[in-house]
């Protein structure tokens, strides 16, 4: 919204700052962080009062969680979403359709997660509503978003891009909608599975947001995209501002989520943030790079898939407990060890993803 003030820059030159994407991204990050810092305590107090017993803890999970995490309120994703969306609407150029598309995916997934959290809290069970119905709703939102991207994007929007290759290697046609929807839904649920320890998911999400924010900045700029050999997608540069808002809200949330957590993000936050990362990757044509940058989320999701299939086929478990962060807990790693080491892995994977910019 503040970008509209640039029209007054001939009369008041400081308004010219709002033309710069980098300036607005920094401001969006700071605004979202301050928003969550300021309103966070009141939101936590309200959620604790309304939820009473807080988020139910899985009885088949690590027994230490029953002692240390019982009674902690959930739905902390509301803090993240409110700060990120308010900041993005304030600092992003709302003329970019990609801002609206990505925000609608983020909010849509957040609403699904909120309903799931609500059922868990009211029923005091770790089971929410039907998994098939949840996936169907996520798929519908993601498919509509991909259709919108095709409608507003350039002629090559349906093309598949690979790292290490200039241009597009395959035009997926209408199949792109199904492909893109799968990427978004998979990202949402992978982040959801990662969210199991205090601070475990939010930092890798911020790292991925920073990485794709940088990709969006380059992809939306014709000069940078031409120099780097990546595909140019007009108007996606504004997603850097949205990414900055997500990072700022994440910083604010981490203040309250650091061990011992005062609040959990819940499915409200994890599904929304995963949807944001997936939708951004699809918008800027870096779907494959998402598997590298979000490699930690991929491993978490695969550990669950492998565990389920192995147990159904052979009756044996590959891991002591899935997702894989619980496996390391069973091996004797402390929670801070797992969280910090997984953070390190996410940083390394982000650097590997950024390296694809110059290896073409």
Foldseek 3Di string as FASTA:
>chain_A
DLLVCCVVCVVPVVSVLLVDLVSLLQQLLQQLLVQCLVCVVVVLVVQLVVLVFAFADDPPFPPVCCVQVTSFHEQCLVSLLVSLVVSLVVRFDVVQVLSVLLNQLLQQQLVLQVQQRVQCSVVVHNGGDDPVVSLVSLLVSQLVSLVVLCVPWDVQLQFADDQLDFDGDDRPPSCSSVVLSVLLSLLLVLLQLQQDAQQQRLLLLLLLLQLLLVLQLQQQDPVSCVVLRHHHIHSSNSSNSSSSNSNSSSVNLSVQRPPVHNYGNTSSNSNSSSNSSSSSCSSSNNSVLCCQLVVLSVLQVVQVVQQVVCCVVPVDGPAPDGPPLSSVVVVPDDRVRSRVVSSVSSNVSSVVSVVSSRND
